[in-house]
N, C-alpha and C. Protein backbone atom coordinates (compact mmCIF):
# COMPACT_ATOMS: atom_id res chain seq x y z
N MET A 1 -28.27 -4.67 -46.41
CA MET A 1 -27.55 -4.00 -45.17
C MET A 1 -26.87 -5.21 -44.51
N SER A 2 -25.46 -5.06 -44.28
CA SER A 2 -24.76 -6.23 -43.79
C SER A 2 -25.08 -6.38 -42.25
N ALA A 3 -24.85 -7.63 -41.78
CA ALA A 3 -25.12 -7.90 -40.38
C ALA A 3 -23.93 -7.36 -39.55
N PRO A 4 -24.21 -6.94 -38.25
CA PRO A 4 -23.09 -6.46 -37.53
C PRO A 4 -22.06 -7.55 -37.26
N SER A 5 -20.87 -7.23 -37.26
CA SER A 5 -19.78 -8.15 -36.95
C SER A 5 -19.76 -8.62 -35.50
N GLN A 6 -19.09 -9.69 -35.15
CA GLN A 6 -19.06 -10.15 -33.75
C GLN A 6 -18.41 -9.13 -32.84
N GLY A 7 -17.44 -8.34 -33.38
CA GLY A 7 -16.78 -7.34 -32.64
C GLY A 7 -17.64 -6.27 -32.22
N THR A 8 -18.68 -5.88 -33.21
CA THR A 8 -19.56 -4.79 -32.94
C THR A 8 -20.60 -5.32 -31.94
N VAL A 9 -21.09 -6.50 -32.14
CA VAL A 9 -22.06 -7.04 -31.06
C VAL A 9 -21.46 -7.06 -29.64
N ALA A 10 -20.24 -7.52 -29.65
CA ALA A 10 -19.65 -7.58 -28.28
C ALA A 10 -19.43 -6.26 -27.66
N LEU A 11 -19.12 -5.26 -28.60
CA LEU A 11 -18.89 -3.93 -28.11
C LEU A 11 -20.24 -3.27 -27.47
N ARG A 12 -21.27 -3.51 -28.27
CA ARG A 12 -22.70 -3.11 -27.85
C ARG A 12 -23.01 -3.71 -26.55
N SER A 13 -22.67 -5.07 -26.38
CA SER A 13 -23.05 -5.74 -25.02
C SER A 13 -22.29 -5.20 -23.99
N GLU A 14 -21.07 -4.86 -24.27
CA GLU A 14 -20.09 -4.25 -23.16
C GLU A 14 -20.70 -2.97 -22.74
N VAL A 15 -21.05 -2.03 -23.73
CA VAL A 15 -21.47 -0.73 -23.39
C VAL A 15 -22.82 -0.86 -22.58
N GLN A 16 -23.79 -1.81 -23.04
CA GLN A 16 -24.99 -1.96 -22.26
C GLN A 16 -24.73 -2.37 -20.85
N ARG A 17 -23.70 -3.23 -20.62
CA ARG A 17 -23.40 -3.63 -19.26
C ARG A 17 -22.89 -2.55 -18.44
N GLN A 18 -22.22 -1.52 -19.07
CA GLN A 18 -21.70 -0.45 -18.39
C GLN A 18 -22.73 0.57 -17.96
N ILE A 19 -23.78 0.75 -18.81
CA ILE A 19 -24.73 1.86 -18.49
C ILE A 19 -26.06 1.33 -17.85
N GLN A 20 -26.08 0.02 -17.76
CA GLN A 20 -27.23 -0.71 -17.02
C GLN A 20 -26.92 -0.70 -15.50
N LEU A 21 -27.56 0.22 -14.88
CA LEU A 21 -27.22 0.32 -13.39
C LEU A 21 -28.10 -0.54 -12.60
N PRO A 22 -27.66 -1.09 -11.44
CA PRO A 22 -28.53 -2.02 -10.75
C PRO A 22 -29.78 -1.34 -9.98
N LEU A 23 -30.69 -2.03 -9.49
CA LEU A 23 -31.91 -1.50 -8.88
C LEU A 23 -31.68 -0.60 -7.75
N TYR A 24 -30.65 -1.10 -6.92
CA TYR A 24 -30.46 -0.23 -5.72
C TYR A 24 -29.90 1.15 -6.15
N LYS A 25 -29.06 1.33 -7.26
CA LYS A 25 -28.68 2.62 -7.66
C LYS A 25 -29.84 3.45 -8.27
N ALA A 26 -30.81 2.79 -8.94
CA ALA A 26 -31.94 3.51 -9.36
C ALA A 26 -32.75 4.05 -8.06
N TRP A 27 -32.83 3.23 -7.08
CA TRP A 27 -33.43 3.63 -5.77
C TRP A 27 -32.78 4.82 -5.27
N GLN A 28 -31.47 4.82 -5.22
CA GLN A 28 -30.75 5.93 -4.59
C GLN A 28 -30.93 7.25 -5.53
N ILE A 29 -30.90 7.06 -6.72
CA ILE A 29 -31.12 8.28 -7.71
C ILE A 29 -32.52 8.81 -7.45
N SER A 30 -33.45 7.88 -7.36
CA SER A 30 -34.79 8.35 -7.10
C SER A 30 -35.07 9.07 -5.83
N LEU A 31 -34.51 8.63 -4.75
CA LEU A 31 -34.55 9.31 -3.42
C LEU A 31 -33.83 10.66 -3.52
N LYS A 32 -32.73 10.72 -4.20
CA LYS A 32 -31.99 11.96 -4.38
C LYS A 32 -32.78 12.93 -5.19
N SER A 33 -33.47 12.40 -6.23
CA SER A 33 -34.33 13.30 -7.02
C SER A 33 -35.46 13.92 -6.27
N ILE A 34 -36.03 13.12 -5.42
CA ILE A 34 -37.15 13.61 -4.57
C ILE A 34 -36.72 14.62 -3.70
N ARG A 35 -35.52 14.46 -3.05
CA ARG A 35 -35.00 15.41 -2.05
C ARG A 35 -34.69 16.75 -2.81
N MET A 36 -34.10 16.64 -4.05
CA MET A 36 -33.68 17.88 -4.76
C MET A 36 -34.90 18.67 -5.24
N ARG A 37 -35.95 17.95 -5.59
CA ARG A 37 -37.21 18.57 -6.10
C ARG A 37 -38.28 18.41 -4.98
N PHE A 38 -37.87 18.68 -3.81
CA PHE A 38 -38.79 18.38 -2.67
C PHE A 38 -40.10 19.14 -2.75
N ALA A 39 -39.98 20.43 -3.04
CA ALA A 39 -41.21 21.28 -3.17
C ALA A 39 -42.13 20.71 -4.28
N ARG A 40 -41.53 20.41 -5.46
CA ARG A 40 -42.37 19.80 -6.57
C ARG A 40 -42.98 18.53 -6.22
N SER A 41 -42.15 17.67 -5.51
CA SER A 41 -42.69 16.41 -5.12
C SER A 41 -43.82 16.47 -4.08
N VAL A 42 -43.70 17.46 -3.22
CA VAL A 42 -44.79 17.76 -2.21
C VAL A 42 -46.11 18.11 -2.93
N ILE A 43 -45.94 18.94 -3.95
CA ILE A 43 -47.16 19.42 -4.73
C ILE A 43 -47.77 18.20 -5.41
N THR A 44 -46.92 17.40 -6.02
CA THR A 44 -47.44 16.20 -6.79
C THR A 44 -48.17 15.21 -5.76
N ALA A 45 -47.44 15.03 -4.58
CA ALA A 45 -48.03 14.09 -3.54
C ALA A 45 -49.38 14.72 -2.91
N MET A 46 -49.49 16.07 -2.97
CA MET A 46 -50.69 16.64 -2.46
C MET A 46 -51.83 16.39 -3.35
N GLY A 47 -51.60 16.35 -4.62
CA GLY A 47 -52.64 15.99 -5.60
C GLY A 47 -53.15 14.60 -5.37
N ILE A 48 -52.20 13.65 -5.11
CA ILE A 48 -52.63 12.27 -4.76
C ILE A 48 -53.34 12.30 -3.45
N LEU A 49 -52.78 12.96 -2.47
CA LEU A 49 -53.38 12.95 -1.15
C LEU A 49 -54.71 13.47 -0.99
N LEU A 50 -55.07 14.49 -1.72
CA LEU A 50 -56.37 15.14 -1.72
C LEU A 50 -57.44 14.19 -2.38
N GLY A 51 -57.03 13.56 -3.47
CA GLY A 51 -57.95 12.63 -4.12
C GLY A 51 -58.25 11.45 -3.25
N ILE A 52 -57.18 10.85 -2.58
CA ILE A 52 -57.46 9.80 -1.73
C ILE A 52 -58.14 10.24 -0.44
N ALA A 53 -58.00 11.41 0.05
CA ALA A 53 -58.67 11.89 1.27
C ALA A 53 -60.17 12.01 0.97
N PHE A 54 -60.52 12.49 -0.26
CA PHE A 54 -61.94 12.56 -0.62
C PHE A 54 -62.51 11.12 -0.68
N TYR A 55 -61.82 10.22 -1.36
CA TYR A 55 -62.43 8.78 -1.42
C TYR A 55 -62.51 8.18 0.06
N SER A 56 -61.47 8.41 0.78
CA SER A 56 -61.49 7.86 2.08
C SER A 56 -62.63 8.46 2.97
N SER A 57 -62.90 9.76 2.84
CA SER A 57 -64.07 10.33 3.56
C SER A 57 -65.37 9.64 3.24
N VAL A 58 -65.47 9.32 1.88
CA VAL A 58 -66.80 8.88 1.37
C VAL A 58 -66.93 7.44 1.99
N ARG A 59 -65.81 6.67 1.97
CA ARG A 59 -65.84 5.28 2.35
C ARG A 59 -66.05 5.19 3.96
N THR A 60 -65.50 6.15 4.70
CA THR A 60 -65.54 6.10 6.16
C THR A 60 -66.95 6.50 6.60
N SER A 61 -67.67 7.38 5.82
CA SER A 61 -69.07 7.74 6.14
C SER A 61 -69.93 6.56 6.01
N GLY A 62 -69.57 5.56 5.15
CA GLY A 62 -70.38 4.42 4.92
C GLY A 62 -70.22 3.48 6.11
N LEU A 63 -69.25 3.61 6.97
CA LEU A 63 -69.00 2.65 8.09
C LEU A 63 -69.96 2.99 9.23
N PHE A 64 -70.61 4.07 9.25
CA PHE A 64 -71.60 4.38 10.37
C PHE A 64 -73.03 3.98 9.92
N PRO A 65 -73.80 3.30 10.91
CA PRO A 65 -75.09 2.90 10.53
C PRO A 65 -76.05 3.98 10.32
N ASN A 66 -77.09 3.71 9.39
CA ASN A 66 -78.09 4.69 9.10
C ASN A 66 -79.28 4.25 9.94
N HIS A 67 -79.84 5.17 10.69
CA HIS A 67 -80.93 4.85 11.64
C HIS A 67 -82.27 5.18 11.06
N GLY A 68 -82.41 5.35 9.71
CA GLY A 68 -83.71 5.65 9.13
C GLY A 68 -84.45 4.33 8.82
N THR A 69 -85.51 4.45 8.13
CA THR A 69 -86.29 3.27 7.64
C THR A 69 -85.48 2.51 6.65
N SER A 70 -85.94 1.18 6.41
CA SER A 70 -85.17 0.32 5.53
C SER A 70 -85.02 1.04 4.14
N ALA A 71 -86.12 1.75 3.61
CA ALA A 71 -86.01 2.39 2.35
C ALA A 71 -85.01 3.46 2.26
N GLU A 72 -84.96 4.21 3.45
CA GLU A 72 -84.01 5.26 3.57
C GLU A 72 -82.64 4.76 3.63
N ALA A 73 -82.39 3.60 4.42
CA ALA A 73 -81.10 3.01 4.55
C ALA A 73 -80.52 2.57 3.24
N LEU A 74 -81.52 1.90 2.41
CA LEU A 74 -81.16 1.37 1.07
C LEU A 74 -80.71 2.55 0.18
N ALA A 75 -81.55 3.61 0.19
CA ALA A 75 -81.18 4.78 -0.65
C ALA A 75 -79.85 5.40 -0.18
N ALA A 76 -79.56 5.50 1.14
CA ALA A 76 -78.29 5.99 1.60
C ALA A 76 -77.14 5.11 1.17
N ALA A 77 -77.31 3.75 1.19
CA ALA A 77 -76.21 2.84 0.72
C ALA A 77 -75.92 2.97 -0.74
N HIS A 78 -77.01 3.18 -1.57
CA HIS A 78 -76.83 3.42 -2.99
C HIS A 78 -76.09 4.79 -3.13
N ARG A 79 -76.44 5.75 -2.37
CA ARG A 79 -75.75 7.06 -2.54
C ARG A 79 -74.38 6.97 -2.15
N GLN A 80 -74.06 6.22 -1.08
CA GLN A 80 -72.66 6.02 -0.69
C GLN A 80 -71.84 5.32 -1.78
N GLU A 81 -72.42 4.27 -2.42
CA GLU A 81 -71.72 3.59 -3.48
C GLU A 81 -71.47 4.51 -4.66
N TRP A 82 -72.45 5.36 -5.07
CA TRP A 82 -72.23 6.32 -6.15
C TRP A 82 -71.21 7.39 -5.83
N LEU A 83 -71.21 7.82 -4.57
CA LEU A 83 -70.20 8.84 -4.18
C LEU A 83 -68.83 8.18 -4.16
N ALA A 84 -68.74 6.89 -3.69
CA ALA A 84 -67.41 6.29 -3.72
C ALA A 84 -66.82 6.11 -5.15
N VAL A 85 -67.73 5.78 -6.20
CA VAL A 85 -67.28 5.57 -7.54
C VAL A 85 -66.87 6.97 -8.12
N MET A 86 -67.63 7.98 -7.82
CA MET A 86 -67.31 9.37 -8.24
C MET A 86 -66.05 9.84 -7.56
N ALA A 87 -65.80 9.52 -6.35
CA ALA A 87 -64.67 9.90 -5.56
C ALA A 87 -63.35 9.21 -6.21
N LEU A 88 -63.51 7.93 -6.53
CA LEU A 88 -62.44 7.17 -7.12
C LEU A 88 -62.11 7.79 -8.50
N LEU A 89 -63.11 8.07 -9.31
CA LEU A 89 -62.84 8.87 -10.66
C LEU A 89 -62.03 10.12 -10.41
N VAL A 90 -62.65 10.92 -9.54
CA VAL A 90 -61.98 12.22 -9.30
C VAL A 90 -60.47 12.03 -8.81
N CYS A 91 -60.36 10.99 -8.06
CA CYS A 91 -59.01 10.68 -7.56
C CYS A 91 -58.13 10.17 -8.70
N PHE A 92 -58.62 9.37 -9.57
CA PHE A 92 -57.87 8.92 -10.66
C PHE A 92 -57.43 9.99 -11.57
N VAL A 93 -58.37 10.85 -11.90
CA VAL A 93 -58.05 12.08 -12.80
C VAL A 93 -57.00 13.00 -12.23
N GLY A 94 -57.24 13.24 -11.00
CA GLY A 94 -56.25 14.16 -10.14
C GLY A 94 -54.83 13.55 -10.18
N ILE A 95 -54.76 12.24 -9.97
CA ILE A 95 -53.44 11.54 -9.85
C ILE A 95 -52.79 11.60 -11.28
N ILE A 96 -53.52 11.32 -12.20
CA ILE A 96 -52.97 11.31 -13.62
C ILE A 96 -52.45 12.67 -14.05
N ASN A 97 -53.27 13.69 -13.65
CA ASN A 97 -52.79 15.08 -13.97
C ASN A 97 -51.51 15.45 -13.20
N SER A 98 -51.46 15.05 -11.90
CA SER A 98 -50.24 15.26 -11.10
C SER A 98 -48.97 14.60 -11.68
N MET A 99 -49.16 13.28 -12.11
CA MET A 99 -47.95 12.64 -12.60
C MET A 99 -47.52 13.08 -13.98
N LEU A 100 -48.58 13.48 -14.82
CA LEU A 100 -48.18 13.99 -16.13
C LEU A 100 -47.35 15.27 -16.00
N MET A 101 -47.86 16.18 -15.10
CA MET A 101 -47.09 17.40 -14.90
C MET A 101 -45.73 17.24 -14.36
N SER A 102 -45.62 16.31 -13.40
CA SER A 102 -44.41 15.98 -12.74
C SER A 102 -43.27 15.44 -13.79
N VAL A 103 -43.80 14.45 -14.66
CA VAL A 103 -42.85 13.95 -15.59
C VAL A 103 -42.49 14.91 -16.66
N THR A 104 -43.50 15.72 -17.19
CA THR A 104 -43.34 16.64 -18.30
C THR A 104 -42.30 17.73 -17.83
N GLU A 105 -42.33 18.14 -16.55
CA GLU A 105 -41.36 19.15 -16.05
C GLU A 105 -40.04 18.57 -15.99
N ARG A 106 -39.85 17.31 -16.16
CA ARG A 106 -38.40 16.63 -16.06
C ARG A 106 -37.83 16.28 -17.38
N PHE A 107 -38.53 16.69 -18.48
CA PHE A 107 -37.97 16.26 -19.76
C PHE A 107 -36.52 16.61 -20.04
N LYS A 108 -36.17 17.89 -19.63
CA LYS A 108 -34.79 18.22 -19.79
C LYS A 108 -33.84 17.36 -18.98
N GLU A 109 -34.22 17.12 -17.74
CA GLU A 109 -33.35 16.31 -16.85
C GLU A 109 -33.28 14.91 -17.51
N ILE A 110 -34.42 14.37 -18.04
CA ILE A 110 -34.35 13.04 -18.61
C ILE A 110 -33.47 13.10 -19.82
N GLY A 111 -33.69 14.10 -20.67
CA GLY A 111 -32.84 14.29 -21.88
C GLY A 111 -31.31 14.22 -21.52
N THR A 112 -30.93 15.03 -20.39
CA THR A 112 -29.55 14.95 -19.98
C THR A 112 -29.13 13.55 -19.61
N MET A 113 -29.88 12.85 -18.81
CA MET A 113 -29.47 11.55 -18.48
C MET A 113 -29.34 10.57 -19.68
N LYS A 114 -30.23 10.71 -20.59
CA LYS A 114 -30.13 9.95 -21.89
C LYS A 114 -28.84 10.32 -22.68
N CYS A 115 -28.44 11.59 -22.67
CA CYS A 115 -27.22 11.97 -23.36
C CYS A 115 -25.98 11.36 -22.62
N LEU A 116 -26.12 11.11 -21.31
CA LEU A 116 -24.98 10.47 -20.63
C LEU A 116 -25.06 8.91 -20.67
N GLY A 117 -26.06 8.42 -21.43
CA GLY A 117 -26.09 6.95 -21.57
C GLY A 117 -27.09 6.15 -20.93
N ALA A 118 -28.09 6.86 -20.30
CA ALA A 118 -29.10 6.14 -19.53
C ALA A 118 -29.95 5.42 -20.58
N LEU A 119 -30.26 4.18 -20.33
CA LEU A 119 -31.26 3.39 -21.21
C LEU A 119 -32.75 3.83 -20.95
N ASP A 120 -33.55 3.55 -21.94
CA ASP A 120 -35.02 3.84 -21.67
C ASP A 120 -35.61 3.08 -20.55
N SER A 121 -35.16 1.77 -20.32
CA SER A 121 -35.67 1.01 -19.28
C SER A 121 -35.28 1.70 -17.89
N PHE A 122 -34.09 2.31 -17.91
CA PHE A 122 -33.58 2.81 -16.65
C PHE A 122 -34.43 4.07 -16.31
N ILE A 123 -34.77 4.96 -17.34
CA ILE A 123 -35.56 6.03 -17.19
C ILE A 123 -36.96 5.68 -16.64
N VAL A 124 -37.57 4.63 -17.20
CA VAL A 124 -38.93 4.25 -16.76
C VAL A 124 -38.78 3.74 -15.31
N ARG A 125 -37.70 3.02 -14.88
CA ARG A 125 -37.53 2.49 -13.61
C ARG A 125 -37.39 3.66 -12.60
N LEU A 126 -36.68 4.71 -12.95
CA LEU A 126 -36.73 5.86 -12.05
C LEU A 126 -37.97 6.52 -11.79
N VAL A 127 -38.77 6.70 -12.82
CA VAL A 127 -40.08 7.35 -12.66
C VAL A 127 -40.96 6.44 -11.84
N ILE A 128 -40.97 5.16 -12.15
CA ILE A 128 -41.85 4.23 -11.45
C ILE A 128 -41.52 4.17 -9.89
N ILE A 129 -40.26 4.23 -9.60
CA ILE A 129 -39.87 4.10 -8.17
C ILE A 129 -40.32 5.35 -7.44
N GLU A 130 -40.11 6.54 -8.12
CA GLU A 130 -40.53 7.78 -7.48
C GLU A 130 -42.10 7.91 -7.32
N ALA A 131 -42.80 7.39 -8.35
CA ALA A 131 -44.26 7.32 -8.28
C ALA A 131 -44.74 6.42 -7.17
N ALA A 132 -44.09 5.23 -7.13
CA ALA A 132 -44.41 4.35 -6.08
C ALA A 132 -44.27 4.87 -4.61
N LEU A 133 -43.07 5.57 -4.44
CA LEU A 133 -42.83 6.21 -3.12
C LEU A 133 -43.93 7.24 -2.82
N MET A 134 -44.10 8.11 -3.76
CA MET A 134 -45.05 9.26 -3.49
C MET A 134 -46.44 8.74 -3.40
N GLY A 135 -46.79 7.73 -4.15
CA GLY A 135 -48.16 7.18 -4.19
C GLY A 135 -48.49 6.41 -2.83
N PHE A 136 -47.52 5.72 -2.31
CA PHE A 136 -47.74 4.97 -1.05
C PHE A 136 -47.87 5.93 0.07
N ILE A 137 -46.88 6.89 0.22
CA ILE A 137 -46.84 7.81 1.28
C ILE A 137 -48.18 8.71 1.28
N ALA A 138 -48.52 9.25 0.08
CA ALA A 138 -49.63 10.13 -0.06
C ALA A 138 -50.91 9.40 0.16
N SER A 139 -50.99 8.13 -0.14
CA SER A 139 -52.14 7.30 0.08
C SER A 139 -52.42 7.08 1.55
N VAL A 140 -51.38 6.76 2.27
CA VAL A 140 -51.46 6.46 3.65
C VAL A 140 -51.94 7.82 4.37
N LEU A 141 -51.29 8.93 4.04
CA LEU A 141 -51.67 10.17 4.66
C LEU A 141 -53.04 10.65 4.18
N GLY A 142 -53.38 10.38 2.93
CA GLY A 142 -54.77 10.79 2.40
C GLY A 142 -55.84 9.95 3.05
N TRP A 143 -55.61 8.69 3.23
CA TRP A 143 -56.62 7.78 3.92
C TRP A 143 -56.76 8.36 5.41
N PHE A 144 -55.68 8.65 6.07
CA PHE A 144 -55.89 9.15 7.44
C PHE A 144 -56.57 10.52 7.48
N ALA A 145 -56.22 11.38 6.61
CA ALA A 145 -56.98 12.68 6.59
C ALA A 145 -58.38 12.59 6.36
N GLY A 146 -58.76 11.79 5.38
CA GLY A 146 -60.23 11.60 5.17
C GLY A 146 -60.98 10.87 6.31
N TRP A 147 -60.29 9.78 6.82
CA TRP A 147 -60.79 9.14 8.00
C TRP A 147 -60.95 9.92 9.29
N ALA A 148 -59.89 10.86 9.46
CA ALA A 148 -59.95 11.70 10.75
C ALA A 148 -61.01 12.67 10.63
N ILE A 149 -61.26 13.30 9.40
CA ILE A 149 -62.25 14.33 9.33
C ILE A 149 -63.71 13.75 9.58
N ILE A 150 -64.00 12.61 9.08
CA ILE A 150 -65.33 12.02 9.23
C ILE A 150 -65.45 11.57 10.70
N ILE A 151 -64.38 10.91 11.31
CA ILE A 151 -64.43 10.54 12.67
C ILE A 151 -64.65 11.80 13.52
N LEU A 152 -64.04 12.93 13.31
CA LEU A 152 -64.15 14.00 14.12
C LEU A 152 -65.58 14.56 14.04
N VAL A 153 -66.14 14.60 12.88
CA VAL A 153 -67.50 15.00 12.75
C VAL A 153 -68.49 14.17 13.59
N HIS A 154 -68.36 12.85 13.55
CA HIS A 154 -69.21 11.94 14.40
C HIS A 154 -68.83 12.00 15.91
N LEU A 155 -67.56 12.29 16.13
CA LEU A 155 -67.16 12.46 17.55
C LEU A 155 -67.85 13.56 18.13
N ILE A 156 -67.94 14.72 17.51
CA ILE A 156 -68.60 15.95 18.01
C ILE A 156 -70.05 15.74 18.25
N GLY A 157 -70.69 15.02 17.23
CA GLY A 157 -72.13 14.78 17.37
C GLY A 157 -72.56 13.74 18.39
N THR A 158 -71.81 12.67 18.46
CA THR A 158 -72.18 11.48 19.15
C THR A 158 -71.34 11.15 20.40
N GLY A 159 -70.11 11.52 20.44
CA GLY A 159 -69.18 11.28 21.51
C GLY A 159 -68.29 10.05 21.24
N PHE A 160 -67.57 9.62 22.33
CA PHE A 160 -66.64 8.53 22.12
C PHE A 160 -67.32 7.11 21.95
N SER A 161 -68.65 7.02 22.04
CA SER A 161 -69.31 5.74 21.88
C SER A 161 -69.18 5.28 20.42
N ILE A 162 -68.62 6.13 19.51
CA ILE A 162 -68.41 5.69 18.04
C ILE A 162 -67.41 4.65 17.94
N PHE A 163 -66.49 4.69 18.85
CA PHE A 163 -65.30 3.78 18.72
C PHE A 163 -65.70 2.44 19.25
N THR A 164 -66.12 1.64 18.27
CA THR A 164 -66.42 0.22 18.54
C THR A 164 -65.41 -0.68 17.84
N VAL A 165 -65.44 -1.90 18.34
CA VAL A 165 -64.50 -2.91 17.65
C VAL A 165 -64.75 -3.10 16.12
N ALA A 166 -66.07 -3.05 15.81
CA ALA A 166 -66.40 -3.20 14.38
C ALA A 166 -65.87 -1.98 13.64
N LEU A 167 -66.04 -0.70 14.19
CA LEU A 167 -65.50 0.46 13.48
C LEU A 167 -63.98 0.38 13.32
N LEU A 168 -63.35 -0.01 14.31
CA LEU A 168 -61.78 -0.09 14.10
C LEU A 168 -61.41 -1.12 13.14
N ARG A 169 -62.12 -2.34 13.16
CA ARG A 169 -61.73 -3.47 12.21
C ARG A 169 -62.01 -2.94 10.81
N ASN A 170 -63.24 -2.34 10.62
CA ASN A 170 -63.55 -1.92 9.26
C ASN A 170 -62.59 -0.79 8.76
N SER A 171 -62.24 0.07 9.71
CA SER A 171 -61.32 1.20 9.40
C SER A 171 -59.98 0.66 8.87
N LEU A 172 -59.49 -0.44 9.62
CA LEU A 172 -58.24 -1.05 9.22
C LEU A 172 -58.35 -1.56 7.89
N ARG A 173 -59.43 -2.31 7.47
CA ARG A 173 -59.68 -2.87 6.22
C ARG A 173 -59.74 -1.75 5.13
N GLU A 174 -60.38 -0.70 5.42
CA GLU A 174 -60.57 0.48 4.41
C GLU A 174 -59.13 1.10 4.23
N ALA A 175 -58.39 1.16 5.39
CA ALA A 175 -56.94 1.71 5.16
C ALA A 175 -56.10 0.95 4.17
N LEU A 176 -56.17 -0.41 4.33
CA LEU A 176 -55.49 -1.37 3.47
C LEU A 176 -55.92 -1.15 1.98
N ILE A 177 -57.32 -1.19 1.81
CA ILE A 177 -57.87 -1.01 0.46
C ILE A 177 -57.48 0.21 -0.19
N THR A 178 -57.70 1.36 0.63
CA THR A 178 -57.45 2.71 0.07
C THR A 178 -55.92 2.97 -0.26
N THR A 179 -55.08 2.52 0.55
CA THR A 179 -53.73 2.58 0.28
C THR A 179 -53.22 1.78 -0.90
N ALA A 180 -53.86 0.58 -1.01
CA ALA A 180 -53.49 -0.32 -2.23
C ALA A 180 -54.09 0.47 -3.46
N LEU A 181 -55.28 0.96 -3.45
CA LEU A 181 -55.91 1.56 -4.61
C LEU A 181 -55.15 2.81 -5.02
N GLY A 182 -54.73 3.68 -3.95
CA GLY A 182 -53.94 4.87 -4.34
C GLY A 182 -52.61 4.51 -4.89
N SER A 183 -51.98 3.53 -4.43
CA SER A 183 -50.61 3.21 -4.93
C SER A 183 -50.75 2.54 -6.29
N ILE A 184 -51.73 1.73 -6.64
CA ILE A 184 -51.91 1.18 -8.00
C ILE A 184 -52.31 2.30 -8.94
N ILE A 185 -53.16 3.22 -8.59
CA ILE A 185 -53.56 4.21 -9.46
C ILE A 185 -52.40 5.13 -9.78
N THR A 186 -51.59 5.31 -8.83
CA THR A 186 -50.50 6.30 -9.11
C THR A 186 -49.49 5.58 -10.04
N LEU A 187 -49.25 4.32 -9.83
CA LEU A 187 -48.29 3.53 -10.70
C LEU A 187 -48.86 3.58 -12.15
N VAL A 188 -50.14 3.26 -12.26
CA VAL A 188 -50.74 3.25 -13.60
C VAL A 188 -50.67 4.58 -14.32
N ALA A 189 -50.94 5.57 -13.54
CA ALA A 189 -50.88 7.03 -13.94
C ALA A 189 -49.47 7.34 -14.48
N ALA A 190 -48.48 6.80 -13.82
CA ALA A 190 -47.03 7.15 -14.10
C ALA A 190 -46.53 6.52 -15.40
N VAL A 191 -47.14 5.33 -15.72
CA VAL A 191 -46.55 4.55 -16.80
C VAL A 191 -46.47 5.32 -18.11
N PRO A 192 -47.73 5.86 -18.51
CA PRO A 192 -47.77 6.56 -19.85
C PRO A 192 -46.65 7.66 -20.00
N PRO A 193 -46.67 8.56 -19.09
CA PRO A 193 -45.64 9.73 -19.20
C PRO A 193 -44.27 9.18 -19.17
N ALA A 194 -43.99 8.13 -18.26
CA ALA A 194 -42.65 7.65 -18.12
C ALA A 194 -42.20 6.94 -19.47
N MET A 195 -43.14 6.29 -20.12
CA MET A 195 -42.77 5.65 -21.47
C MET A 195 -42.53 6.66 -22.50
N ARG A 196 -43.34 7.81 -22.41
CA ARG A 196 -43.26 8.91 -23.44
C ARG A 196 -41.90 9.62 -23.25
N ALA A 197 -41.56 9.84 -21.88
CA ALA A 197 -40.27 10.45 -21.63
C ALA A 197 -39.15 9.58 -22.10
N ALA A 198 -39.15 8.27 -21.80
CA ALA A 198 -38.07 7.36 -22.07
C ALA A 198 -37.83 7.21 -23.57
N GLN A 199 -38.90 7.28 -24.38
CA GLN A 199 -38.80 7.10 -25.82
C GLN A 199 -38.39 8.31 -26.56
N MET A 200 -38.52 9.43 -25.90
CA MET A 200 -38.17 10.77 -26.63
C MET A 200 -36.77 10.80 -26.88
N PRO A 201 -36.35 11.31 -28.05
CA PRO A 201 -34.94 11.47 -28.34
C PRO A 201 -34.30 12.58 -27.40
N PRO A 202 -33.08 12.25 -27.04
CA PRO A 202 -32.42 13.16 -26.08
C PRO A 202 -32.48 14.64 -26.51
N ALA A 203 -32.22 14.88 -27.83
CA ALA A 203 -32.25 16.25 -28.29
C ALA A 203 -33.55 16.92 -28.24
N ALA A 204 -34.63 16.19 -28.47
CA ALA A 204 -36.01 16.67 -28.42
C ALA A 204 -36.35 16.97 -26.90
N ALA A 205 -35.89 16.11 -26.00
CA ALA A 205 -36.26 16.31 -24.62
C ALA A 205 -35.56 17.51 -24.10
N LEU A 206 -34.37 17.74 -24.54
CA LEU A 206 -33.61 18.99 -24.08
C LEU A 206 -34.20 20.26 -24.66
N ARG A 207 -34.85 20.23 -25.78
CA ARG A 207 -35.40 21.37 -26.37
C ARG A 207 -36.78 21.72 -25.86
N THR A 208 -37.37 20.72 -25.02
CA THR A 208 -38.75 20.92 -24.48
C THR A 208 -38.88 22.14 -23.57
N GLU A 209 -39.73 23.03 -23.82
CA GLU A 209 -40.01 24.08 -22.90
C GLU A 209 -41.25 23.94 -22.19
N VAL A 210 -41.25 23.95 -20.89
CA VAL A 210 -42.55 23.78 -20.00
C VAL A 210 -42.84 25.01 -19.29
């Protein structure tokens, strides 16, 4: 098989420069895609939000002191750690399922973009940007929902004395950790379906029925 001529290589390089869009353009297209598919984006974000809210509620419950004996307090601490691990697993599975469904439903759209010259890397970039946006927003709202429910329960039972400096400081720390976890899990969950969609031949993507 003969090597491509210099003219062919130059032509391929020129075509790649023409269809390789800058990052800000990918950002604009991602925002437009979220607006156009707002209802579906909300459903996907709700899957992330509910998982994070469950995890946040478990972590927030652990911020309140246990007034039982030392053995009871130790058992309660172990129970909280176990619940936090289970909540994180449930959250992870829920987010992966949401992202898989979201990307799978867009196979035809992705196939159309590839027919128009979009590179595989550009498709992956679009999906990652959308996942990052939804993951961050849903994680912030999910943390607040889980935190607010537990705070409300303790507020009804104990009153405003629950608001201490330690509680507010630990809540801020949990907010940062939970938001980071939710965003990272969403990005990790988005990579496999994004790679699958990007590597799919345009004709096969257009024929996909969901």
